[in-house]
Amino acid sequence: MQAKRIIPCLDVDEGRVVKGVKFRGIQDAGDPVELARRYNEAGADEITFLDIGASYRSRATLLDVVRRVAKEVFIPLCVGGGIRIVEDMRSVMNAGADKVSVCTSALENPPLLSAMAKAYGRQCVVLSIDAARVKNSTGARSDPPRWTAYSHGGRKDTGRDAVAWAAEAVERGAGEILLNSIDADGTGGGYDLDLVRYILDAVPAPVIASGGAGSLDQIAGVLLDPGADAALVASMLHFGKTTIPEIKKYAESKGVPVRW
């Protein structure tokens, strides 16, 4: 089994790291440069920087913050938010990113993925999918399960099937899937394992599980079964519930291969 990655996520708005629950109830979680430095020193495998205000407010990614974060980390840095054209990707890469994440812009213009892959290689193109489970007329979860992809920071249901979209995106040039469960986000109730399993079965690309981490057991679990390639962690780290070494030590004790 290939070594799994533990990836802290910095959701940034107005230059500050923030965290909410199900993409709502946002609260301040600290300075992105300080947190990036701390996680880099603690042994994070990568850092994901998401300018969560960029898409729905239609403004450019905070390149100055990206530059300052990039100076503090010596591990891969993925940056997303407000990247709409290849030139935006070029600006972010020049600011210090190793790869970029796109969500809304790819949903609105799927050929963008191919253009980005052609310009920088698919290893630099991450498709971020914000997915929520479809409910039936009674409000119960759909059976069989189905998820739709959301755009604009989880605010707009596109109606597009999330699993089919993941498969199409990889065919177009996405080299990795950053899979965000809106239902689980910030709840601490655990990752949406069904969602991760369906996406893993649908794509021949690495899948990063995101949304819902609340315990060490949940993080180790999503890496073992269904077997995500990486786990994104935010609240547990930002608010001092655990550390990266603790996560890796516990995961390793459960049989998950990790990088030290």
C-alpha atoms as a PDB file:
ATOM      1  CA  MET A   1       0.000   0.000   0.000  1.00  0.00           C
ATOM      2  CA  GLN A   2       1.343   3.408  -0.969  1.00  0.00           C
ATOM      3  CA  ALA A   3       2.080   5.842   1.861  1.00  0.00           C
ATOM      4  CA  LYS A   4      -0.941   7.965   2.714  1.00  0.00           C
ATOM      5  CA  ARG A   5      -0.827  11.745   3.035  1.00  0.00           C
ATOM      6  CA  ILE A   6      -2.033  13.959   5.867  1.00  0.00           C
ATOM      7  CA  ILE A   7      -2.902  17.380   4.463  1.00  0.00           C
ATOM      8  CA  PRO A   8      -3.841  20.392   6.617  1.00  0.00           C
ATOM      9  CA  CYS A   9      -6.357  22.641   4.897  1.00  0.00           C
ATOM     10  CA  LEU A  10      -6.229  26.414   5.221  1.00  0.00           C
ATOM     11  CA  ASP A  11      -9.615  27.859   4.252  1.00  0.00           C
ATOM     12  CA  VAL A  12      -8.785  31.542   3.840  1.00  0.00           C
ATOM     13  CA  ASP A  13     -11.166  34.482   3.653  1.00  0.00           C
ATOM     14  CA  GLU A  14     -10.085  38.118   3.794  1.00  0.00           C
ATOM     15  CA  GLY A  15      -6.540  36.987   4.579  1.00  0.00           C
ATOM     16  CA  ARG A  16      -7.452  34.871   7.646  1.00  0.00           C
ATOM     17  CA  VAL A  17      -7.907  31.132   8.117  1.00  0.00           C
ATOM     18  CA  VAL A  18     -11.557  30.389   8.900  1.00  0.00           C
ATOM     19  CA  LYS A  19     -13.639  27.307   9.597  1.00  0.00           C
ATOM     20  CA  GLY A  20     -17.349  26.652   9.646  1.00  0.00           C
ATOM     21  CA  VAL A  21     -19.857  23.817   9.747  1.00  0.00           C
ATOM     22  CA  LYS A  22     -21.365  22.631   6.459  1.00  0.00           C
ATOM     23  CA  PHE A  23     -19.852  25.723   4.818  1.00  0.00           C
ATOM     24  CA  ARG A  24     -21.712  28.030   7.239  1.00  0.00           C
ATOM     25  CA  GLY A  25     -21.111  29.638  10.649  1.00  0.00           C
ATOM     26  CA  ILE A  26     -17.598  30.773   9.753  1.00  0.00           C
ATOM     27  CA  GLN A  27     -15.216  31.549  12.630  1.00  0.00           C
ATOM     28  CA  ASP A  28     -11.648  32.787  12.703  1.00  0.00           C
ATOM     29  CA  ALA A  29      -8.957  30.124  13.085  1.00  0.00           C
ATOM     30  CA  GLY A  30      -5.733  32.083  12.754  1.00  0.00           C
ATOM     31  CA  ASP A  31      -3.088  33.534  10.478  1.00  0.00           C
ATOM     32  CA  PRO A  32      -2.400  31.454   7.337  1.00  0.00           C
ATOM     33  CA  VAL A  33       1.331  32.119   7.330  1.00  0.00           C
ATOM     34  CA  GLU A  34       1.735  31.161  10.980  1.00  0.00           C
ATOM     35  CA  LEU A  35      -0.363  28.009  10.591  1.00  0.00           C
ATOM     36  CA  ALA A  36       1.418  26.960   7.401  1.00  0.00           C
ATOM     37  CA  ARG A  37       4.776  27.333   9.126  1.00  0.00           C
ATOM     38  CA  ARG A  38       3.593  25.282  12.089  1.00  0.00           C
ATOM     39  CA  TYR A  39       2.169  22.453   9.987  1.00  0.00           C
ATOM     40  CA  ASN A  40       5.227  22.332   7.750  1.00  0.00           C
ATOM     41  CA  GLU A  41       7.461  21.931  10.795  1.00  0.00           C
ATOM     42  CA  ALA A  42       5.121  19.326  12.296  1.00  0.00           C
ATOM     43  CA  GLY A  43       5.469  16.993   9.316  1.00  0.00           C
ATOM     44  CA  ALA A  44       2.504  17.716   7.044  1.00  0.00           C
ATOM     45  CA  ASP A  45       2.812  16.013   3.671  1.00  0.00           C
ATOM     46  CA  GLU A  46       1.210  18.907   1.810  1.00  0.00           C
ATOM     47  CA  ILE A  47      -0.671  22.137   2.491  1.00  0.00           C
ATOM     48  CA  THR A  48      -3.949  23.003   0.794  1.00  0.00           C
ATOM     49  CA  PHE A  49      -4.785  26.704   0.647  1.00  0.00           C
ATOM     50  CA  LEU A  50      -8.356  27.512  -0.415  1.00  0.00           C
ATOM     51  CA  ASP A  51      -9.433  31.115  -0.823  1.00  0.00           C
ATOM     52  CA  ILE A  52     -13.054  30.318  -0.062  1.00  0.00           C
ATOM     53  CA  GLY A  53     -14.316  33.826  -0.786  1.00  0.00           C
ATOM     54  CA  ALA A  54     -12.813  34.065  -4.258  1.00  0.00           C
ATOM     55  CA  SER A  55     -15.407  32.130  -6.241  1.00  0.00           C
ATOM     56  CA  TYR A  56     -18.646  33.510  -4.928  1.00  0.00           C
ATOM     57  CA  ARG A  57     -17.327  37.047  -4.547  1.00  0.00           C
ATOM     58  CA  SER A  58     -15.712  36.914  -7.983  1.00  0.00           C
ATOM     59  CA  ARG A  59     -12.340  38.270  -6.910  1.00  0.00           C
ATOM     60  CA  ALA A  60      -8.811  37.101  -7.511  1.00  0.00           C
ATOM     61  CA  THR A  61      -6.974  34.729  -5.211  1.00  0.00           C
ATOM     62  CA  LEU A  62      -5.006  36.550  -2.560  1.00  0.00           C
ATOM     63  CA  LEU A  63      -1.648  36.167  -4.280  1.00  0.00           C
ATOM     64  CA  ASP A  64       0.225  38.078  -1.607  1.00  0.00           C
ATOM     65  CA  VAL A  65      -0.906  35.577   1.027  1.00  0.00           C
ATOM     66  CA  VAL A  66       0.022  32.706  -1.280  1.00  0.00           C
ATOM     67  CA  ARG A  67       3.512  34.155  -1.698  1.00  0.00           C
ATOM     68  CA  ARG A  68       3.973  34.516   2.056  1.00  0.00           C
ATOM     69  CA  VAL A  69       2.706  31.004   2.724  1.00  0.00           C
ATOM     70  CA  ALA A  70       4.917  29.551  -0.017  1.00  0.00           C
ATOM     71  CA  LYS A  71       7.988  31.060   1.634  1.00  0.00           C
ATOM     72  CA  GLU A  72       7.201  29.163   4.840  1.00  0.00           C
ATOM     73  CA  VAL A  73       6.591  25.670   3.462  1.00  0.00           C
ATOM     74  CA  PHE A  74       8.938  23.184   1.863  1.00  0.00           C
ATOM     75  CA  ILE A  75       6.279  20.660   0.943  1.00  0.00           C
ATOM     76  CA  PRO A  76       3.771  20.699  -1.935  1.00  0.00           C
ATOM     77  CA  LEU A  77       1.330  23.614  -1.785  1.00  0.00           C
ATOM     78  CA  CYS A  78      -2.041  23.383  -3.512  1.00  0.00           C
ATOM     79  CA  VAL A  79      -3.952  26.633  -4.008  1.00  0.00           C
ATOM     80  CA  GLY A  80      -7.580  27.075  -5.027  1.00  0.00           C
ATOM     81  CA  GLY A  81     -10.160  29.813  -5.275  1.00  0.00           C
ATOM     82  CA  GLY A  82     -10.918  32.247  -8.073  1.00  0.00           C
ATOM     83  CA  ILE A  83      -8.919  30.384 -10.729  1.00  0.00           C
ATOM     84  CA  ARG A  84     -10.980  30.800 -13.880  1.00  0.00           C
ATOM     85  CA  ILE A  85      -8.499  30.713 -16.764  1.00  0.00           C
ATOM     86  CA  VAL A  86      -5.039  29.299 -17.443  1.00  0.00           C
ATOM     87  CA  GLU A  87      -3.540  32.748 -16.842  1.00  0.00           C
ATOM     88  CA  ASP A  88      -4.950  32.648 -13.285  1.00  0.00           C
ATOM     89  CA  MET A  89      -3.266  29.292 -12.816  1.00  0.00           C
ATOM     90  CA  ARG A  90      -0.013  30.755 -14.102  1.00  0.00           C
ATOM     91  CA  SER A  91      -0.209  33.611 -11.595  1.00  0.00           C
ATOM     92  CA  VAL A  92      -0.780  31.228  -8.698  1.00  0.00           C
ATOM     93  CA  MET A  93       1.996  28.884  -9.787  1.00  0.00           C
ATOM     94  CA  ASN A  94       4.365  31.848 -10.130  1.00  0.00           C
ATOM     95  CA  ALA A  95       3.403  32.914  -6.610  1.00  0.00           C
ATOM     96  CA  GLY A  96       4.699  29.599  -5.272  1.00  0.00           C
ATOM     97  CA  ALA A  97       1.970  26.988  -5.679  1.00  0.00           C
ATOM     98  CA  ASP A  98       2.902  23.487  -6.847  1.00  0.00           C
ATOM     99  CA  LYS A  99      -0.605  22.713  -8.064  1.00  0.00           C
ATOM    100  CA  VAL A 100      -3.982  24.377  -8.254  1.00  0.00           C
ATOM    101  CA  SER A 101      -7.500  23.379  -7.310  1.00  0.00           C
ATOM    102  CA  VAL A 102     -10.571  24.377  -9.303  1.00  0.00           C
ATOM    103  CA  CYS A 103     -14.253  23.848  -8.572  1.00  0.00           C
ATOM    104  CA  THR A 104     -16.771  26.396  -9.880  1.00  0.00           C
ATOM    105  CA  SER A 105     -14.749  27.361 -12.952  1.00  0.00           C
ATOM    106  CA  ALA A 106     -14.418  23.724 -14.030  1.00  0.00           C
ATOM    107  CA  LEU A 107     -18.139  23.093 -13.598  1.00  0.00           C
ATOM    108  CA  GLU A 108     -18.948  26.144 -15.707  1.00  0.00           C
ATOM    109  CA  ASN A 109     -16.218  25.451 -18.279  1.00  0.00           C
ATOM    110  CA  PRO A 110     -15.091  21.777 -18.272  1.00  0.00           C
ATOM    111  CA  PRO A 111     -12.552  22.280 -21.123  1.00  0.00           C
ATOM    112  CA  LEU A 112     -10.576  24.411 -18.666  1.00  0.00           C
ATOM    113  CA  LEU A 113      -9.257  21.189 -17.128  1.00  0.00           C
ATOM    114  CA  SER A 114      -7.766  20.087 -20.430  1.00  0.00           C
ATOM    115  CA  ALA A 115      -6.212  23.488 -21.021  1.00  0.00           C
ATOM    116  CA  MET A 116      -4.651  23.510 -17.552  1.00  0.00           C
ATOM    117  CA  ALA A 117      -3.300  19.993 -17.959  1.00  0.00           C
ATOM    118  CA  LYS A 118      -1.821  20.911 -21.329  1.00  0.00           C
ATOM    119  CA  ALA A 119      -0.139  23.990 -19.856  1.00  0.00           C
ATOM    120  CA  TYR A 120       1.315  22.446 -16.690  1.00  0.00           C
ATOM    121  CA  GLY A 121       0.625  18.707 -16.693  1.00  0.00           C
ATOM    122  CA  ARG A 122      -2.234  16.855 -15.052  1.00  0.00           C
ATOM    123  CA  GLN A 123      -0.197  16.389 -11.870  1.00  0.00           C
ATOM    124  CA  CYS A 124      -0.719  20.122 -11.248  1.00  0.00           C
ATOM    125  CA  VAL A 125      -4.496  20.031 -11.768  1.00  0.00           C
ATOM    126  CA  VAL A 126      -6.743  19.186  -8.808  1.00  0.00           C
ATOM    127  CA  LEU A 127     -10.511  19.060  -9.223  1.00  0.00           C
ATOM    128  CA  SER A 128     -12.292  20.101  -6.046  1.00  0.00           C
ATOM    129  CA  ILE A 129     -15.775  18.624  -5.730  1.00  0.00           C
ATOM    130  CA  ASP A 130     -18.151  20.050  -3.114  1.00  0.00           C
ATOM    131  CA  ALA A 131     -20.779  17.312  -2.907  1.00  0.00           C
ATOM    132  CA  ALA A 132     -23.999  16.907  -0.948  1.00  0.00           C
ATOM    133  CA  ARG A 133     -26.160  13.822  -0.768  1.00  0.00           C
ATOM    134  CA  VAL A 134     -29.484  13.971  -2.589  1.00  0.00           C
ATOM    135  CA  LYS A 135     -32.592  13.547  -0.444  1.00  0.00           C
ATOM    136  CA  ASN A 136     -35.963  12.229  -1.529  1.00  0.00           C
ATOM    137  CA  SER A 137     -39.304  13.984  -1.184  1.00  0.00           C
ATOM    138  CA  THR A 138     -39.600  12.966   2.473  1.00  0.00           C
ATOM    139  CA  GLY A 139     -36.202  14.415   3.324  1.00  0.00           C
ATOM    140  CA  ALA A 140     -34.564  11.022   3.731  1.00  0.00           C
ATOM    141  CA  ARG A 141     -31.286  10.150   2.036  1.00  0.00           C
ATOM    142  CA  SER A 142     -31.629   8.817  -1.466  1.00  0.00           C
ATOM    143  CA  ASP A 143     -31.360   5.059  -1.912  1.00  0.00           C
ATOM    144  CA  PRO A 144     -29.260   4.099  -3.770  1.00  0.00           C
ATOM    145  CA  PRO A 145     -27.078   6.989  -2.634  1.00  0.00           C
ATOM    146  CA  ARG A 146     -26.482   9.869  -5.010  1.00  0.00           C
ATOM    147  CA  TRP A 147     -24.617  13.132  -4.619  1.00  0.00           C
ATOM    148  CA  THR A 148     -24.692  16.350  -6.633  1.00  0.00           C
ATOM    149  CA  ALA A 149     -21.830  18.774  -7.154  1.00  0.00           C
ATOM    150  CA  TYR A 150     -22.156  22.306  -5.808  1.00  0.00           C
ATOM    151  CA  SER A 151     -20.488  25.468  -7.074  1.00  0.00           C
ATOM    152  CA  HIS A 152     -19.785  28.926  -5.653  1.00  0.00           C
ATOM    153  CA  GLY A 153     -18.444  27.767  -2.311  1.00  0.00           C
ATOM    154  CA  GLY A 154     -21.193  25.232  -1.703  1.00  0.00           C
ATOM    155  CA  ARG A 155     -23.961  27.726  -2.367  1.00  0.00           C
ATOM    156  CA  LYS A 156     -25.342  26.513  -5.701  1.00  0.00           C
ATOM    157  CA  ASP A 157     -26.533  23.000  -6.469  1.00  0.00           C
ATOM    158  CA  THR A 158     -25.593  22.381 -10.094  1.00  0.00           C
ATOM    159  CA  GLY A 159     -27.668  19.207 -10.253  1.00  0.00           C
ATOM    160  CA  ARG A 160     -24.675  17.465 -11.812  1.00  0.00           C
ATOM    161  CA  ASP A 161     -24.038  13.956 -10.495  1.00  0.00           C
ATOM    162  CA  ALA A 162     -20.838  14.181  -8.450  1.00  0.00           C
ATOM    163  CA  VAL A 163     -19.568  10.703  -9.310  1.00  0.00           C
ATOM    164  CA  ALA A 164     -20.087  11.141 -13.039  1.00  0.00           C
ATOM    165  CA  TRP A 165     -18.495  14.587 -12.861  1.00  0.00           C
ATOM    166  CA  ALA A 166     -15.401  13.167 -11.151  1.00  0.00           C
ATOM    167  CA  ALA A 167     -14.999  10.574 -13.905  1.00  0.00           C
ATOM    168  CA  GLU A 168     -15.449  13.154 -16.654  1.00  0.00           C
ATOM    169  CA  ALA A 169     -12.994  15.553 -15.026  1.00  0.00           C
ATOM    170  CA  VAL A 170     -10.248  12.943 -14.815  1.00  0.00           C
ATOM    171  CA  GLU A 171     -10.778  12.109 -18.481  1.00  0.00           C
ATOM    172  CA  ARG A 172     -10.430  15.797 -19.299  1.00  0.00           C
ATOM    173  CA  GLY A 173      -7.145  16.192 -17.426  1.00  0.00           C
ATOM    174  CA  ALA A 174      -7.634  16.412 -13.667  1.00  0.00           C
ATOM    175  CA  GLY A 175      -4.824  14.533 -11.961  1.00  0.00           C
ATOM    176  CA  GLU A 176      -6.369  14.385  -8.501  1.00  0.00           C
ATOM    177  CA  ILE A 177      -9.760  14.755  -6.819  1.00  0.00           C
ATOM    178  CA  LEU A 178     -10.225  16.842  -3.673  1.00  0.00           C
ATOM    179  CA  LEU A 179     -13.528  15.478  -2.395  1.00  0.00           C
ATOM    180  CA  ASN A 180     -15.405  17.711   0.027  1.00  0.00           C
ATOM    181  CA  SER A 181     -18.533  16.438   1.759  1.00  0.00           C
ATOM    182  CA  ILE A 182     -20.825  19.383   2.451  1.00  0.00           C
ATOM    183  CA  ASP A 183     -22.961  17.202   4.722  1.00  0.00           C
ATOM    184  CA  ALA A 184     -19.990  16.265   6.915  1.00  0.00           C
ATOM    185  CA  ASP A 185     -17.962  19.483   6.724  1.00  0.00           C
ATOM    186  CA  GLY A 186     -16.930  20.776  10.144  1.00  0.00           C
ATOM    187  CA  THR A 187     -19.271  18.438  12.017  1.00  0.00           C
ATOM    188  CA  GLY A 188     -16.607  16.160  13.499  1.00  0.00           C
ATOM    189  CA  GLY A 189     -18.911  13.251  12.736  1.00  0.00           C
ATOM    190  CA  GLY A 190     -16.545  11.556  10.321  1.00  0.00           C
ATOM    191  CA  TYR A 191     -15.965  11.510   6.597  1.00  0.00           C
ATOM    192  CA  ASP A 192     -18.737  10.487   4.206  1.00  0.00           C
ATOM    193  CA  LEU A 193     -17.320   7.020   3.572  1.00  0.00           C
ATOM    194  CA  ASP A 194     -19.960   6.100   1.011  1.00  0.00           C
ATOM    195  CA  LEU A 195     -19.128   9.173  -1.050  1.00  0.00           C
ATOM    196  CA  VAL A 196     -15.393   8.456  -0.896  1.00  0.00           C
ATOM    197  CA  ARG A 197     -15.980   4.830  -1.891  1.00  0.00           C
ATOM    198  CA  TYR A 198     -18.105   5.735  -4.913  1.00  0.00           C
ATOM    199  CA  ILE A 199     -15.572   8.279  -6.170  1.00  0.00           C
ATOM    200  CA  LEU A 200     -12.640   5.893  -5.663  1.00  0.00           C
ATOM    201  CA  ASP A 201     -14.475   3.277  -7.708  1.00  0.00           C
ATOM    202  CA  ALA A 202     -15.154   5.790 -10.478  1.00  0.00           C
ATOM    203  CA  VAL A 203     -11.734   7.349 -11.075  1.00  0.00           C
ATOM    204  CA  PRO A 204      -8.181   6.092 -11.683  1.00  0.00           C
ATOM    205  CA  ALA A 205      -6.732   9.125  -9.891  1.00  0.00           C
ATOM    206  CA  PRO A 206      -5.783   9.874  -6.269  1.00  0.00           C
ATOM    207  CA  VAL A 207      -8.680  10.959  -4.060  1.00  0.00           C
ATOM    208  CA  ILE A 208      -8.276  13.272  -1.063  1.00  0.00           C
ATOM    209  CA  ALA A 209     -11.066  12.836   1.506  1.00  0.00           C
ATOM    210  CA  SER A 210     -12.268  16.073   3.064  1.00  0.00           C
ATOM    211  CA  GLY A 211     -14.997  17.077   5.485  1.00  0.00           C
ATOM    212  CA  GLY A 212     -15.945  15.678   8.866  1.00  0.00           C
ATOM    213  CA  ALA A 213     -12.724  14.625  10.601  1.00  0.00           C
ATOM    214  CA  GLY A 214     -13.423  14.537  14.332  1.00  0.00           C
ATOM    215  CA  SER A 215     -11.216  11.766  15.701  1.00  0.00           C
ATOM    216  CA  LEU A 216      -7.978   9.960  15.011  1.00  0.00           C
ATOM    217  CA  ASP A 217      -9.941   6.799  14.351  1.00  0.00           C
ATOM    218  CA  GLN A 218     -11.991   8.495  11.633  1.00  0.00           C
ATOM    219  CA  ILE A 219      -8.861   9.737   9.872  1.00  0.00           C
ATOM    220  CA  ALA A 220      -7.203   6.323   9.973  1.00  0.00           C
ATOM    221  CA  GLY A 221     -10.475   4.722   8.916  1.00  0.00           C
ATOM    222  CA  VAL A 222     -10.977   6.696   5.703  1.00  0.00           C
ATOM    223  CA  LEU A 223      -7.401   5.878   4.686  1.00  0.00           C
ATOM    224  CA  LEU A 224      -7.893   2.158   5.322  1.00  0.00           C
ATOM    225  CA  ASP A 225     -11.455   1.572   4.149  1.00  0.00           C
ATOM    226  CA  PRO A 226     -12.549   2.809   1.657  1.00  0.00           C
ATOM    227  CA  GLY A 227      -8.884   3.666   1.143  1.00  0.00           C
ATOM    228  CA  ALA A 228      -8.579   7.355   0.297  1.00  0.00           C
ATOM    229  CA  ASP A 229      -5.122   8.373  -0.870  1.00  0.00           C
ATOM    230  CA  ALA A 230      -5.001  11.295   1.558  1.00  0.00           C
ATOM    231  CA  ALA A 231      -6.985  12.867   4.369  1.00  0.00           C
ATOM    232  CA  LEU A 232      -7.604  16.586   4.603  1.00  0.00           C
ATOM    233  CA  VAL A 233      -7.771  17.869   8.182  1.00  0.00           C
ATOM    234  CA  ALA A 234      -8.738  21.359   9.337  1.00  0.00           C
ATOM    235  CA  SER A 235     -10.672  21.958  12.573  1.00  0.00           C
ATOM    236  CA  MET A 236      -8.910  19.246  14.566  1.00  0.00           C
ATOM    237  CA  LEU A 237      -5.566  20.890  13.859  1.00  0.00           C
ATOM    238  CA  HIS A 238      -6.573  24.556  13.916  1.00  0.00           C
ATOM    239  CA  PHE A 239      -8.300  24.304  17.300  1.00  0.00           C
ATOM    240  CA  GLY A 240      -5.695  22.112  18.994  1.00  0.00           C
ATOM    241  CA  LYS A 241      -7.584  18.813  19.204  1.00  0.00           C
ATOM    242  CA  THR A 242      -4.608  16.920  17.801  1.00  0.00           C
ATOM    243  CA  THR A 243      -1.301  17.307  15.975  1.00  0.00           C
ATOM    244  CA  ILE A 244       0.086  15.906  12.761  1.00  0.00           C
ATOM    245  CA  PRO A 245       2.552  13.587  14.582  1.00  0.00           C
ATOM    246  CA  GLU A 246      -0.329  12.235  16.689  1.00  0.00           C
ATOM    247  CA  ILE A 247      -2.407  11.591  13.578  1.00  0.00           C
ATOM    248  CA  LYS A 248       0.446   9.781  11.847  1.00  0.00           C
ATOM    249  CA  LYS A 249       1.406   7.738  14.893  1.00  0.00           C
ATOM    250  CA  TYR A 250      -2.182   6.590  15.409  1.00  0.00           C
ATOM    251  CA  ALA A 251      -2.725   5.843  11.731  1.00  0.00           C
ATOM    252  CA  GLU A 252       0.469   3.823  11.611  1.00  0.00           C
ATOM    253  CA  SER A 253      -0.661   1.825  14.645  1.00  0.00           C
ATOM    254  CA  LYS A 254      -3.767   0.874  12.673  1.00  0.00           C
ATOM    255  CA  GLY A 255      -1.772  -0.353   9.713  1.00  0.00           C
ATOM    256  CA  VAL A 256      -1.830   2.804   7.580  1.00  0.00           C
ATOM    257  CA  PRO A 257       1.508   3.473   5.858  1.00  0.00           C
ATOM    258  CA  VAL A 258       2.536   7.099   6.439  1.00  0.00           C
ATOM    259  CA  ARG A 259       5.474   9.334   5.626  1.00  0.00           C
ATOM    260  CA  TRP A 260       7.779  10.549   8.376  1.00  0.00           C
END
